[in-house]
Amino acid sequence: METRKIETDLLIIGGGTAGCYAAIIARRENPDQRVLVVDKAHIDRSGCLAGGMNAINAYINPGETVDSFVEYVRMDAMGILREDLVRSQAALFREVVETVEAMGLPIVKDPDGKYSPRGRWNIKIHGESLKPILAREVRKSGAEVLNRVVVTNLIVKDGGVHGAYGFGLSDGAFYVIASRKTLVATGGASGIYRPNNEGAARHKMWYSPFNTGAGYAIGIRAGAEMTSFEHRFIALRTKDTIAPTGTLALGFGAPQVNSKGEEFMKIRWAESGGEGAPTPLRLEGPLREIAAGNGPCFMDTRHLSKGDLKRLYEAYLDMYPNTVLYWAANRIDLTKSPVEICGTEPYLVGGHCQAGYWVDVDRRTTLGNLFAAGDVAGGAPYKFVSGCFAEGAIAARAAAREIRSESAPVQFPDPEKIAQERERTFRWKAGAPKDSRRIRPDEGEARLQKIMDEYAGGIRTSYAMNEAALLMARQKLSEFADDLSRIGAEDEHALMLAHEVVDRVDVARVLVEHLLARKETRWPGFQTRLDYPESDRRYDHFINSVTMPSGDVRIVHRTLEGEEIAWSDHGVPDFERSLQGV
């Protein structure tokens, strides 16, 4: 197997929305710097928005301000957010949207030529071609692109990141990419939990099934501080097709109703904001209706006219065309039949909720030379596509400033380190056992999902959990980690799947520690602790973690401003003594 060494100034891992936008801005900021985007798929159609989008979901519409946006996000996040991060990205919404429009993104306008709003914070777009537009601009910028290369680990030396290792899906080569600065923009994590649909349909889910938590995992293994993994995102979506319901609610005024036709969010959740309640409660509401025997629940579309229906189909064709095909194939008339809804599997998404790297306002992580942007960056919920653009721009500009001001050369690892990571990268292919004890990657994925679904608050338990179950999850994940060496891969594609299982297990272990550490129910539905069913003011702060070289997870409690309150090592069951008086 060939080893390929590559040098660059700025390495961007992940060619989705944030990664592509960061590459474009980095080259505009400093045309002399070398920028390399590495993607395990192909930047033309990779990432969460590979299939498109029909709205920019975070924008400062007329009558709103950055301040009002921050206050809305604070309400939606139920008090936990990094205001500096939310404010800094919101300040760039107009700039980044106008920049992408200039690239060719069609944005819907009203008769006066102004952006057409959809609800309070959204504007309508025709975004089916969003990723091809961004990919074209990346190439025009002069940035280099490595498609179909899987990043397996960061190159770390003396507390700083100096690039990354990976392997080629097409050529089978081992890649050693040395960089002065590195930006992780790989998106969040799906596939940690058992999904709604099984078998051949298991990838019919809301979040990209190819976002497998690799960006989190490489940071976890490198010792980066992470935040808010327990703030999971569980989407309220259309049954079977798992398509967004926001198009129905915001774009076409469809209310949530139960099987009795009651608008239960208005009736029983009025004090919490009804249809405008924080996002977790808009999931919790249907869950309680079903538990009370009032399910199934629906988005009521029966008020739509034929003209409305045509516009609804057009909106879904911009991002979820299979939904329209499903309705057509099953002869569903939405003017007569409401759309059944359900919760998805839990995801880790730093853009809807706030799981990810702990970063400063320039999106620097706690490791030197390493930045994070988009769904993999923590602390700033409600960022969506425009927030990913904004964070990509912020990180790219900060990295460009450092590259201009620093004279340190690119550093390749020692040959011994390269040999160690090469052996680790290919161990599941070259050293895979040939007997019946061999584990296929899909079997490993199913085992992980069963553990998380049953013991860590998956669909099977209506997303609820308690300490005893979480401790079982911890034990079973530890046992599973010991078995990972038995995964076998017959080719490069299977090797990628093997790495995805390993990455997901590392992410799941940290997630369980976060769920154990927050001994309250802060986000009902998203993070329901049956043994701690109420919100607790002592937990008006962030739960962070650092994975130690031993593999143990150290939990760090930080104020909303980032000051350390207390910490506890993995295995210490009671750290609340250090929270007394907080």
Protein backbone atom coordinates (compact mmCIF):
# COMPACT_ATOMS: atom_id res chain seq x y z
CA MET A 1 0.00 0.00 0.00
CA GLU A 2 1.32 3.37 -1.03
CA THR A 3 1.79 6.13 1.54
CA ARG A 4 1.05 9.58 0.17
CA LYS A 5 2.34 12.66 1.97
CA ILE A 6 0.64 15.98 1.29
CA GLU A 7 1.42 19.46 2.62
CA THR A 8 -1.08 22.31 2.94
CA ASP A 9 -1.59 25.46 4.98
CA LEU A 10 -5.26 24.94 5.87
CA LEU A 11 -6.74 21.44 5.93
CA ILE A 12 -10.55 21.32 5.94
CA ILE A 13 -11.95 17.93 6.93
CA GLY A 14 -15.45 17.58 5.49
CA GLY A 15 -16.82 19.05 2.27
CA GLY A 16 -20.38 19.82 3.36
CA THR A 17 -21.96 23.23 3.79
CA ALA A 18 -19.57 24.63 6.43
CA GLY A 19 -16.46 23.06 4.88
CA CYS A 20 -17.09 24.28 1.36
CA TYR A 21 -17.99 27.79 2.48
CA ALA A 22 -14.90 27.92 4.70
CA ALA A 23 -12.67 26.94 1.77
CA ILE A 24 -14.11 29.70 -0.41
CA ILE A 25 -13.69 32.36 2.28
CA ALA A 26 -10.19 31.15 3.22
CA ARG A 27 -9.00 31.60 -0.35
CA ARG A 28 -10.63 35.03 -0.59
CA GLU A 29 -9.01 36.11 2.68
CA ASN A 30 -5.54 34.92 1.68
CA PRO A 31 -5.13 33.82 -1.96
CA ASP A 32 -1.52 32.82 -1.27
CA GLN A 33 -2.39 30.13 1.27
CA ARG A 34 -2.87 26.53 0.24
CA VAL A 35 -6.31 25.17 1.15
CA LEU A 36 -7.20 21.48 0.92
CA VAL A 37 -10.71 20.05 1.39
CA VAL A 38 -10.88 16.33 2.17
CA ASP A 39 -14.23 14.53 1.86
CA LYS A 40 -15.00 10.83 2.16
CA ALA A 41 -17.66 11.21 -0.54
CA HIS A 42 -17.67 13.93 -3.24
CA ILE A 43 -18.22 17.59 -2.45
CA ASP A 44 -20.73 17.99 -5.29
CA ARG A 45 -23.31 15.98 -3.35
CA SER A 46 -22.05 15.34 0.17
CA GLY A 47 -23.13 16.42 3.63
CA CYS A 48 -26.53 17.10 5.16
CA LEU A 49 -27.74 19.20 2.26
CA ALA A 50 -26.66 16.84 -0.51
CA GLY A 51 -30.27 16.66 -1.72
CA GLY A 52 -31.03 20.34 -1.26
CA MET A 53 -33.03 22.61 1.02
CA ASN A 54 -36.16 24.76 0.60
CA ALA A 55 -35.43 27.42 3.22
CA ILE A 56 -32.71 29.27 5.06
CA ASN A 57 -33.91 28.49 8.57
CA ALA A 58 -31.96 31.17 10.47
CA TYR A 59 -32.13 34.72 9.14
CA ILE A 60 -32.79 38.15 10.62
CA ASN A 61 -36.02 39.14 8.87
CA PRO A 62 -37.39 42.72 8.92
CA GLY A 63 -38.59 43.62 12.40
CA GLU A 64 -36.07 41.30 14.06
CA THR A 65 -32.56 41.97 15.33
CA VAL A 66 -29.52 40.01 16.43
CA ASP A 67 -30.66 40.64 20.01
CA SER A 68 -34.15 39.26 19.41
CA PHE A 69 -32.64 36.25 17.65
CA VAL A 70 -30.36 35.53 20.63
CA GLU A 71 -33.30 35.76 23.01
CA TYR A 72 -35.34 33.39 20.84
CA VAL A 73 -32.49 30.86 20.77
CA ARG A 74 -32.14 31.16 24.56
CA MET A 75 -35.83 30.28 24.92
CA ASP A 76 -35.59 27.42 22.44
CA ALA A 77 -32.46 26.00 24.13
CA MET A 78 -34.23 26.33 27.50
CA GLY A 79 -31.55 28.55 28.97
CA ILE A 80 -28.37 26.76 27.91
CA LEU A 81 -26.33 28.44 25.17
CA ARG A 82 -23.10 30.29 24.50
CA GLU A 83 -24.43 33.77 23.75
CA ASP A 84 -21.11 34.92 22.27
CA LEU A 85 -21.24 32.15 19.67
CA VAL A 86 -24.90 32.64 18.77
CA ARG A 87 -24.45 36.40 18.52
CA SER A 88 -21.33 36.19 16.34
CA GLN A 89 -22.94 33.89 13.80
CA ALA A 90 -26.23 35.82 13.71
CA ALA A 91 -24.31 39.00 12.91
CA LEU A 92 -23.15 37.35 9.67
CA PHE A 93 -26.47 35.90 8.46
CA ARG A 94 -27.15 38.68 5.96
CA GLU A 95 -23.58 38.66 4.64
CA VAL A 96 -23.37 34.91 4.06
CA VAL A 97 -26.83 34.62 2.50
CA GLU A 98 -26.11 37.46 0.07
CA THR A 99 -22.75 35.86 -0.75
CA VAL A 100 -24.33 32.51 -1.61
CA GLU A 101 -27.06 34.26 -3.59
CA ALA A 102 -24.33 35.95 -5.63
CA MET A 103 -22.91 32.48 -6.32
CA GLY A 104 -26.21 31.54 -7.95
CA LEU A 105 -28.50 30.22 -5.20
CA PRO A 106 -32.12 31.08 -6.14
CA ILE A 107 -33.83 32.89 -3.24
CA VAL A 108 -37.57 33.52 -3.38
CA LYS A 109 -38.47 37.24 -3.50
CA ASP A 110 -41.70 39.13 -2.88
CA PRO A 111 -43.13 41.60 -5.45
CA ASP A 112 -40.88 44.33 -3.98
CA GLY A 113 -37.77 42.24 -4.58
CA LYS A 114 -37.19 41.45 -0.90
CA TYR A 115 -36.52 38.01 0.50
CA SER A 116 -39.76 36.11 1.10
CA PRO A 117 -40.02 35.15 4.80
CA ARG A 118 -41.36 31.84 6.09
CA GLY A 119 -42.22 32.40 9.71
CA ARG A 120 -40.12 34.52 11.99
CA TRP A 121 -36.58 33.41 11.14
CA ASN A 122 -36.83 31.65 7.75
CA ILE A 123 -36.58 32.77 4.14
CA LYS A 124 -37.64 30.63 1.19
CA ILE A 125 -35.14 29.33 -1.35
CA HIS A 126 -35.00 26.89 -4.25
CA GLY A 127 -32.05 25.02 -2.85
CA GLU A 128 -31.92 21.72 -4.70
CA SER A 129 -28.65 22.82 -6.35
CA LEU A 130 -27.04 24.31 -3.24
CA LYS A 131 -24.21 21.77 -2.95
CA PRO A 132 -23.25 21.79 -6.65
CA ILE A 133 -23.12 25.60 -6.47
CA LEU A 134 -20.82 25.53 -3.44
CA ALA A 135 -18.62 22.81 -4.97
CA ARG A 136 -18.22 24.83 -8.16
CA GLU A 137 -17.17 27.89 -6.16
CA VAL A 138 -14.65 25.83 -4.16
CA ARG A 139 -12.95 24.76 -7.37
CA LYS A 140 -13.07 28.31 -8.78
CA SER A 141 -11.43 29.61 -5.61
CA GLY A 142 -8.31 27.59 -6.25
CA ALA A 143 -8.72 25.35 -3.23
CA GLU A 144 -7.62 21.75 -3.75
CA VAL A 145 -10.05 18.89 -3.18
CA LEU A 146 -9.45 15.28 -2.21
CA ASN A 147 -12.66 13.34 -2.74
CA ARG A 148 -13.19 9.78 -1.49
CA VAL A 149 -10.56 9.96 1.25
CA VAL A 150 -11.60 8.85 4.74
CA VAL A 151 -9.94 10.74 7.61
CA THR A 152 -9.18 8.36 10.48
CA ASN A 153 -7.32 10.47 13.07
CA LEU A 154 -5.71 13.83 13.73
CA ILE A 155 -1.94 14.30 13.79
CA VAL A 156 -1.27 15.55 17.33
CA LYS A 157 2.01 16.69 18.85
CA ASP A 158 2.65 18.76 22.00
CA GLY A 159 -1.05 19.64 22.42
CA GLY A 160 -1.40 20.91 18.87
CA VAL A 161 -2.90 19.49 15.69
CA HIS A 162 -0.65 19.30 12.63
CA GLY A 163 -2.92 17.61 10.10
CA ALA A 164 -4.65 14.27 9.72
CA TYR A 165 -4.30 10.67 8.60
CA GLY A 166 -6.64 8.85 6.22
CA PHE A 167 -7.02 6.33 3.43
CA GLY A 168 -8.33 6.43 -0.11
CA LEU A 169 -11.54 4.63 -1.00
CA SER A 170 -10.62 4.56 -4.69
CA ASP A 171 -6.86 4.00 -4.54
CA GLY A 172 -6.40 2.25 -1.19
CA ALA A 173 -3.48 4.54 -0.36
CA PHE A 174 -2.58 5.72 3.13
CA TYR A 175 -2.64 9.52 3.39
CA VAL A 176 -0.54 11.64 5.73
CA ILE A 177 -1.69 15.25 5.37
CA ALA A 178 0.44 17.81 7.21
CA SER A 179 -1.08 21.26 7.74
CA ARG A 180 -0.44 24.46 9.66
CA LYS A 181 -4.11 24.79 10.63
CA THR A 182 -6.95 22.26 10.52
CA LEU A 183 -10.71 22.85 10.44
CA VAL A 184 -13.11 20.02 11.29
CA ALA A 185 -16.42 20.42 9.45
CA THR A 186 -17.67 16.85 9.19
CA GLY A 187 -21.17 17.35 10.58
CA GLY A 188 -22.81 15.55 13.48
CA ALA A 189 -23.71 11.93 14.15
CA SER A 190 -26.53 9.67 13.01
CA GLY A 191 -26.70 5.90 13.37
CA ILE A 192 -25.83 5.94 17.08
CA TYR A 193 -29.37 4.75 17.84
CA ARG A 194 -31.68 2.30 16.12
CA PRO A 195 -33.59 4.23 13.42
CA ASN A 196 -37.33 4.37 12.69
CA ASN A 197 -37.12 2.17 9.62
CA GLU A 198 -35.33 -1.17 9.59
CA GLY A 199 -33.68 -3.48 7.10
CA ALA A 200 -33.13 -2.10 3.62
CA ALA A 201 -34.92 1.12 4.62
CA ARG A 202 -32.72 1.86 7.65
CA HIS A 203 -31.11 4.85 5.94
CA LYS A 204 -34.49 6.48 5.32
CA MET A 205 -33.88 8.88 8.17
CA TRP A 206 -33.87 12.64 8.70
CA TYR A 207 -30.17 13.37 9.29
CA SER A 208 -27.61 12.27 6.74
CA PRO A 209 -26.86 8.57 7.37
CA PHE A 210 -23.31 9.21 6.17
CA ASN A 211 -22.61 11.69 8.98
CA THR A 212 -21.32 9.11 11.40
CA GLY A 213 -19.65 11.21 14.08
CA ALA A 214 -16.13 10.92 12.66
CA GLY A 215 -15.41 14.59 13.36
CA TYR A 216 -16.38 14.15 17.00
CA ALA A 217 -14.45 10.88 17.29
CA ILE A 218 -11.12 12.19 15.99
CA GLY A 219 -11.36 15.05 18.49
CA ILE A 220 -12.35 12.75 21.35
CA ARG A 221 -9.37 10.50 20.69
CA ALA A 222 -7.06 13.54 20.47
CA GLY A 223 -8.21 14.87 23.87
CA ALA A 224 -10.27 17.86 22.73
CA GLU A 225 -12.88 19.21 25.13
CA MET A 226 -16.44 18.48 24.01
CA THR A 227 -19.72 19.98 25.12
CA SER A 228 -23.44 19.25 25.42
CA PHE A 229 -23.59 15.73 23.98
CA GLU A 230 -26.58 15.15 26.25
CA HIS A 231 -28.50 17.89 24.37
CA ARG A 232 -29.59 15.40 21.71
CA PHE A 233 -31.78 16.33 18.77
CA ILE A 234 -34.86 14.23 18.04
CA ALA A 235 -36.71 15.52 15.04
CA LEU A 236 -40.49 15.58 14.70
CA ARG A 237 -40.99 14.25 11.19
CA THR A 238 -43.50 12.73 8.79
CA LYS A 239 -44.01 9.01 9.37
CA ASP A 240 -42.20 6.59 7.04
CA THR A 241 -40.56 9.22 4.79
CA ILE A 242 -39.03 11.08 7.79
CA ALA A 243 -39.37 14.45 6.05
CA PRO A 244 -39.28 17.81 7.90
CA THR A 245 -42.57 19.04 9.35
CA GLY A 246 -41.50 22.68 9.41
CA THR A 247 -42.52 23.00 5.76
CA LEU A 248 -46.04 21.96 6.73
CA ALA A 249 -46.24 24.09 9.88
CA LEU A 250 -44.45 27.29 8.87
CA GLY A 251 -45.06 27.24 5.15
CA PHE A 252 -48.66 26.02 5.10
CA GLY A 253 -50.10 26.58 8.57
CA ALA A 254 -50.68 22.92 9.41
CA PRO A 255 -51.30 22.45 13.17
CA GLN A 256 -50.49 19.34 15.20
CA VAL A 257 -53.59 17.32 16.04
CA ASN A 258 -54.21 14.05 17.85
CA SER A 259 -56.47 11.19 16.75
CA LYS A 260 -59.47 13.08 18.18
CA GLY A 261 -58.72 16.09 16.00
CA GLU A 262 -57.67 18.22 19.00
CA GLU A 263 -54.98 20.85 18.53
CA PHE A 264 -53.31 19.58 21.68
CA MET A 265 -50.34 21.95 21.60
CA LYS A 266 -52.71 24.90 21.86
CA ILE A 267 -54.94 23.20 24.44
CA ARG A 268 -52.48 21.54 26.80
CA TRP A 269 -49.22 23.38 26.07
CA ALA A 270 -50.48 26.95 25.86
CA GLU A 271 -48.47 28.08 28.89
CA SER A 272 -45.33 26.72 27.28
CA GLY A 273 -45.94 28.59 24.05
CA GLY A 274 -48.25 26.16 22.25
CA GLU A 275 -47.16 25.74 18.65
CA GLY A 276 -44.36 28.21 19.44
CA ALA A 277 -43.04 26.18 22.37
CA PRO A 278 -39.33 25.30 22.59
CA THR A 279 -38.45 22.62 20.05
CA PRO A 280 -38.08 19.80 22.64
CA LEU A 281 -41.64 20.39 23.87
CA ARG A 282 -42.98 20.15 20.33
CA LEU A 283 -41.76 16.55 20.45
CA GLU A 284 -42.75 15.96 24.08
CA GLY A 285 -46.34 17.02 23.33
CA PRO A 286 -47.04 14.23 20.80
CA LEU A 287 -45.22 11.70 23.01
CA ARG A 288 -47.57 12.48 25.90
CA GLU A 289 -50.63 12.34 23.65
CA ILE A 290 -49.66 8.88 22.47
CA ALA A 291 -48.93 7.73 26.04
CA ALA A 292 -52.38 9.00 27.09
CA GLY A 293 -54.09 6.97 24.36
CA ASN A 294 -54.74 9.93 22.06
CA GLY A 295 -52.39 8.88 19.28
CA PRO A 296 -51.43 8.70 16.51
CA CYS A 297 -50.67 12.39 15.96
CA PHE A 298 -50.74 14.32 12.71
CA MET A 299 -50.00 17.55 10.90
CA ASP A 300 -53.46 18.58 9.75
CA THR A 301 -53.33 19.51 6.06
CA ARG A 302 -57.05 19.21 5.33
CA HIS A 303 -57.45 22.98 5.03
CA LEU A 304 -55.16 23.12 1.99
CA SER A 305 -56.52 24.08 -1.42
CA LYS A 306 -55.40 22.40 -4.63
CA GLY A 307 -53.18 25.42 -5.28
CA ASP A 308 -51.64 25.08 -1.82
CA LEU A 309 -51.01 21.41 -2.51
CA LYS A 310 -49.11 22.21 -5.70
CA ARG A 311 -46.90 24.69 -3.84
CA LEU A 312 -46.35 22.15 -1.05
CA TYR A 313 -45.18 19.54 -3.54
CA GLU A 314 -42.80 22.09 -5.08
CA ALA A 315 -41.37 22.89 -1.64
CA TYR A 316 -40.64 19.24 -0.88
CA LEU A 317 -39.18 18.64 -4.33
CA ASP A 318 -36.43 21.12 -3.39
CA MET A 319 -35.14 18.80 -0.65
CA TYR A 320 -37.27 15.66 -0.08
CA PRO A 321 -38.62 14.52 -3.47
CA ASN A 322 -39.22 10.99 -2.21
CA THR A 323 -41.95 12.36 0.06
CA VAL A 324 -43.95 13.60 -2.92
CA LEU A 325 -43.36 10.28 -4.69
CA TYR A 326 -44.56 8.40 -1.58
CA TRP A 327 -47.79 10.41 -1.43
CA ALA A 328 -48.36 9.84 -5.15
CA ALA A 329 -47.58 6.12 -5.03
CA ASN A 330 -49.98 5.59 -2.13
CA ARG A 331 -52.69 7.85 -3.61
CA ILE A 332 -52.67 10.10 -0.54
CA ASP A 333 -54.73 13.27 -0.89
CA LEU A 334 -53.51 15.67 1.79
CA THR A 335 -56.66 17.77 1.49
CA LYS A 336 -58.55 14.77 2.88
CA SER A 337 -55.95 12.93 4.98
CA PRO A 338 -53.64 14.55 7.54
CA VAL A 339 -49.95 13.59 7.61
CA GLU A 340 -48.99 11.23 10.44
CA ILE A 341 -45.92 12.34 12.42
CA CYS A 342 -43.36 10.64 14.64
CA GLY A 343 -40.09 11.26 16.42
CA THR A 344 -36.85 10.12 14.83
CA GLU A 345 -33.92 8.36 16.39
CA PRO A 346 -31.78 10.71 18.54
CA TYR A 347 -28.99 12.54 16.73
CA LEU A 348 -25.99 14.57 17.86
CA VAL A 349 -26.21 17.80 15.89
CA GLY A 350 -24.41 20.99 16.85
CA GLY A 351 -26.57 23.04 14.51
CA HIS A 352 -30.05 22.17 15.76
CA CYS A 353 -28.97 21.50 19.34
CA GLN A 354 -25.39 22.06 20.52
CA ALA A 355 -23.32 18.88 20.77
CA GLY A 356 -19.75 19.38 19.61
CA TYR A 357 -16.32 20.80 20.21
CA TRP A 358 -15.95 23.44 22.92
CA VAL A 359 -14.80 26.48 20.94
CA ASP A 360 -14.00 30.15 21.45
CA VAL A 361 -15.64 32.94 19.47
CA ASP A 362 -13.22 32.36 16.55
CA ARG A 363 -14.21 28.66 16.60
CA ARG A 364 -10.84 27.53 17.94
CA THR A 365 -11.04 24.27 19.85
CA THR A 366 -9.06 23.47 23.00
CA LEU A 367 -6.33 21.86 20.85
CA GLY A 368 -3.79 24.14 19.22
CA ASN A 369 -4.21 24.84 15.48
CA LEU A 370 -7.61 23.11 15.40
CA PHE A 371 -10.90 24.84 14.52
CA ALA A 372 -14.45 23.50 14.25
CA ALA A 373 -17.47 24.79 12.32
CA GLY A 374 -21.02 23.73 11.52
CA ASP A 375 -22.78 20.78 13.10
CA VAL A 376 -19.56 19.52 14.69
CA ALA A 377 -19.05 22.77 16.68
CA GLY A 378 -20.82 23.00 20.03
CA GLY A 379 -22.48 25.64 22.16
CA ALA A 380 -24.44 27.47 19.47
CA PRO A 381 -27.82 25.86 18.70
CA TYR A 382 -30.27 26.97 16.02
CA LYS A 383 -27.54 27.68 13.46
CA PHE A 384 -28.89 25.65 10.51
CA VAL A 385 -27.42 26.30 7.06
CA SER A 386 -26.76 30.03 7.48
CA GLY A 387 -25.06 29.42 10.83
CA CYS A 388 -22.86 26.79 9.17
CA PHE A 389 -21.90 29.33 6.51
CA ALA A 390 -21.19 31.90 9.24
CA GLU A 391 -19.08 29.55 11.36
CA GLY A 392 -17.15 28.43 8.30
CA ALA A 393 -16.39 32.08 7.52
CA ILE A 394 -15.41 32.90 11.12
CA ALA A 395 -13.07 29.92 11.39
CA ALA A 396 -11.56 30.48 7.93
CA ARG A 397 -10.80 34.12 8.67
CA ALA A 398 -9.24 33.32 12.04
CA ALA A 399 -7.12 30.54 10.52
CA ALA A 400 -6.03 32.83 7.67
CA ARG A 401 -4.92 35.49 10.16
CA GLU A 402 -2.84 32.96 12.07
CA ILE A 403 -1.32 31.51 8.91
CA ARG A 404 -0.26 35.02 7.80
CA SER A 405 1.25 35.91 11.17
CA GLU A 406 2.99 32.65 12.06
CA SER A 407 6.17 31.36 10.47
CA ALA A 408 6.08 27.79 11.80
CA PRO A 409 6.59 25.32 8.96
CA VAL A 410 4.39 22.34 8.17
CA GLN A 411 5.42 19.36 10.31
CA PHE A 412 5.07 15.71 9.34
CA PRO A 413 4.91 13.15 12.16
CA ASP A 414 7.84 10.94 13.05
CA PRO A 415 8.08 7.78 10.90
CA GLU A 416 7.22 5.67 13.94
CA LYS A 417 3.96 7.58 14.48
CA ILE A 418 3.09 7.22 10.80
CA ALA A 419 3.69 3.47 10.96
CA GLN A 420 1.50 3.14 14.07
CA GLU A 421 -1.43 4.97 12.53
CA ARG A 422 -1.05 3.11 9.24
CA GLU A 423 -1.29 -0.18 11.15
CA ARG A 424 -4.35 1.06 13.04
CA THR A 425 -6.02 2.32 9.86
CA PHE A 426 -5.79 -0.98 8.00
CA ARG A 427 -5.97 -3.40 10.93
CA TRP A 428 -9.62 -4.28 10.24
CA LYS A 429 -8.76 -5.21 6.67
CA ALA A 430 -5.31 -6.78 6.88
CA GLY A 431 -5.71 -8.49 10.24
CA ALA A 432 -9.38 -9.42 10.14
CA PRO A 433 -10.00 -12.90 11.54
CA LYS A 434 -11.28 -15.43 9.04
CA ASP A 435 -13.25 -17.63 11.41
CA SER A 436 -16.86 -17.47 12.54
CA ARG A 437 -15.98 -14.94 15.28
CA ARG A 438 -15.49 -12.23 12.69
CA ILE A 439 -17.90 -9.28 12.98
CA ARG A 440 -19.16 -7.57 9.85
CA PRO A 441 -19.45 -3.76 10.05
CA ASP A 442 -23.24 -3.89 9.71
CA GLU A 443 -23.41 -6.38 12.60
CA GLY A 444 -21.33 -4.01 14.71
CA GLU A 445 -23.60 -1.12 13.82
CA ALA A 446 -26.69 -3.14 14.80
CA ARG A 447 -25.14 -4.14 18.15
CA LEU A 448 -24.33 -0.51 18.99
CA GLN A 449 -27.81 0.68 18.03
CA LYS A 450 -29.48 -2.02 20.14
CA ILE A 451 -27.48 -1.01 23.22
CA MET A 452 -28.23 2.68 22.81
CA ASP A 453 -31.88 2.18 21.89
CA GLU A 454 -32.65 0.02 24.92
CA TYR A 455 -30.48 1.59 27.63
CA ALA A 456 -29.67 5.18 26.60
CA GLY A 457 -33.04 6.65 25.68
CA GLY A 458 -33.92 5.51 22.18
CA ILE A 459 -37.22 5.03 20.38
CA ARG A 460 -37.97 1.80 22.30
CA THR A 461 -38.19 3.70 25.62
CA SER A 462 -39.85 6.82 24.15
CA TYR A 463 -36.46 8.52 24.54
CA ALA A 464 -36.55 8.33 28.36
CA MET A 465 -33.75 6.95 30.55
CA ASN A 466 -32.58 6.54 34.15
CA GLU A 467 -29.25 6.05 35.87
CA ALA A 468 -29.46 2.26 36.15
CA ALA A 469 -30.11 1.90 32.42
CA LEU A 470 -27.34 4.36 31.53
CA LEU A 471 -24.88 2.44 33.70
CA MET A 472 -25.89 -0.70 31.78
CA ALA A 473 -25.20 1.17 28.54
CA ARG A 474 -21.77 2.17 29.87
CA GLN A 475 -20.94 -1.44 30.72
CA LYS A 476 -22.17 -2.87 27.43
CA LEU A 477 -20.34 -0.24 25.38
CA SER A 478 -17.13 -1.03 27.25
CA GLU A 479 -17.58 -4.72 26.47
CA PHE A 480 -18.32 -3.90 22.84
CA ALA A 481 -15.20 -1.72 22.60
CA ASP A 482 -13.13 -4.75 23.61
CA ASP A 483 -14.62 -6.66 20.65
CA LEU A 484 -13.95 -4.03 17.99
CA SER A 485 -10.70 -5.72 16.93
CA ARG A 486 -12.83 -8.57 15.56
CA ILE A 487 -14.45 -6.42 12.87
CA GLY A 488 -13.43 -7.57 9.42
CA ALA A 489 -13.33 -5.63 6.15
CA GLU A 490 -12.85 -7.28 2.76
CA ASP A 491 -12.31 -4.06 0.78
CA GLU A 492 -11.88 -0.30 1.19
CA HIS A 493 -15.62 0.37 1.34
CA ALA A 494 -16.05 -2.15 4.16
CA LEU A 495 -12.98 -0.64 5.83
CA MET A 496 -14.72 2.73 5.83
CA LEU A 497 -17.79 1.12 7.42
CA ALA A 498 -15.56 -0.49 10.06
CA HIS A 499 -14.07 2.89 10.94
CA GLU A 500 -17.58 4.33 11.16
CA VAL A 501 -18.53 1.71 13.76
CA VAL A 502 -15.40 2.46 15.78
CA ASP A 503 -16.07 6.20 15.60
CA ARG A 504 -19.70 5.79 16.64
CA VAL A 505 -18.75 3.66 19.63
CA ASP A 506 -16.27 6.31 20.81
CA VAL A 507 -18.97 8.97 20.42
CA ALA A 508 -21.61 6.82 22.16
CA ARG A 509 -19.39 6.26 25.19
CA VAL A 510 -18.93 10.00 25.65
CA LEU A 511 -22.65 10.59 25.08
CA VAL A 512 -23.58 8.15 27.86
CA GLU A 513 -21.24 9.95 30.29
CA HIS A 514 -22.92 13.26 29.46
CA LEU A 515 -26.39 11.76 29.93
CA LEU A 516 -25.29 10.41 33.31
CA ALA A 517 -23.79 13.73 34.38
CA ARG A 518 -26.87 15.91 33.82
CA LYS A 519 -29.04 14.80 36.72
CA GLU A 520 -32.14 16.70 35.70
CA THR A 521 -34.56 16.83 32.79
CA ARG A 522 -33.47 19.98 30.98
CA TRP A 523 -34.94 19.26 27.54
CA PRO A 524 -38.07 17.05 27.92
CA GLY A 525 -38.27 14.64 25.01
CA PHE A 526 -34.68 15.24 23.95
CA GLN A 527 -33.16 14.41 27.36
CA THR A 528 -35.74 12.91 29.73
CA ARG A 529 -34.40 11.50 33.01
CA LEU A 530 -37.14 9.47 34.68
CA ASP A 531 -35.19 9.53 37.95
CA TYR A 532 -34.71 13.31 37.76
CA PRO A 533 -37.92 14.48 36.04
CA GLU A 534 -37.63 18.21 36.86
CA SER A 535 -35.32 20.96 35.70
CA ASP A 536 -32.72 21.88 38.35
CA ARG A 537 -31.26 25.40 38.60
CA ARG A 538 -27.96 23.91 39.79
CA TYR A 539 -27.54 22.63 36.24
CA ASP A 540 -27.92 26.00 34.54
CA HIS A 541 -24.53 25.36 32.99
CA PHE A 542 -22.68 23.28 30.41
CA ILE A 543 -21.69 19.65 30.77
CA ASN A 544 -18.34 19.19 29.01
CA SER A 545 -15.94 16.28 28.76
CA VAL A 546 -12.36 15.38 27.95
CA THR A 547 -11.36 11.81 27.13
CA MET A 548 -8.08 10.97 28.84
CA PRO A 549 -5.27 8.88 27.27
CA SER A 550 -6.47 5.99 29.45
CA GLY A 551 -9.87 6.13 27.74
CA ASP A 552 -11.65 7.39 30.86
CA VAL A 553 -13.94 10.37 30.43
CA ARG A 554 -13.47 13.42 32.65
CA ILE A 555 -16.66 15.45 33.04
CA VAL A 556 -16.17 19.22 33.31
CA HIS A 557 -18.92 21.56 34.51
CA ARG A 558 -18.68 25.08 33.04
CA THR A 559 -20.76 28.21 33.49
CA LEU A 560 -22.57 29.70 30.51
CA GLU A 561 -19.60 32.06 30.22
CA GLY A 562 -17.14 29.17 30.15
CA GLU A 563 -15.71 29.27 33.68
CA GLU A 564 -14.93 25.89 35.23
CA ILE A 565 -17.18 24.98 38.18
CA ALA A 566 -16.19 21.41 38.94
CA TRP A 567 -14.97 18.21 37.36
CA SER A 568 -15.15 14.49 37.98
CA ASP A 569 -13.38 11.49 36.52
CA HIS A 570 -15.16 8.61 34.84
CA GLY A 571 -16.52 6.16 37.40
CA VAL A 572 -17.07 8.66 40.22
CA PRO A 573 -20.81 8.27 40.85
CA ASP A 574 -21.39 11.40 42.95
CA PHE A 575 -19.79 14.70 41.99
CA GLU A 576 -22.67 16.83 43.27
CA ARG A 577 -20.74 17.56 46.46
CA SER A 578 -18.57 19.89 44.38
CA LEU A 579 -21.67 21.67 43.08
CA GLN A 580 -22.94 22.63 46.54
CA GLY A 581 -23.80 26.30 46.66
CA VAL A 582 -23.81 26.77 42.88
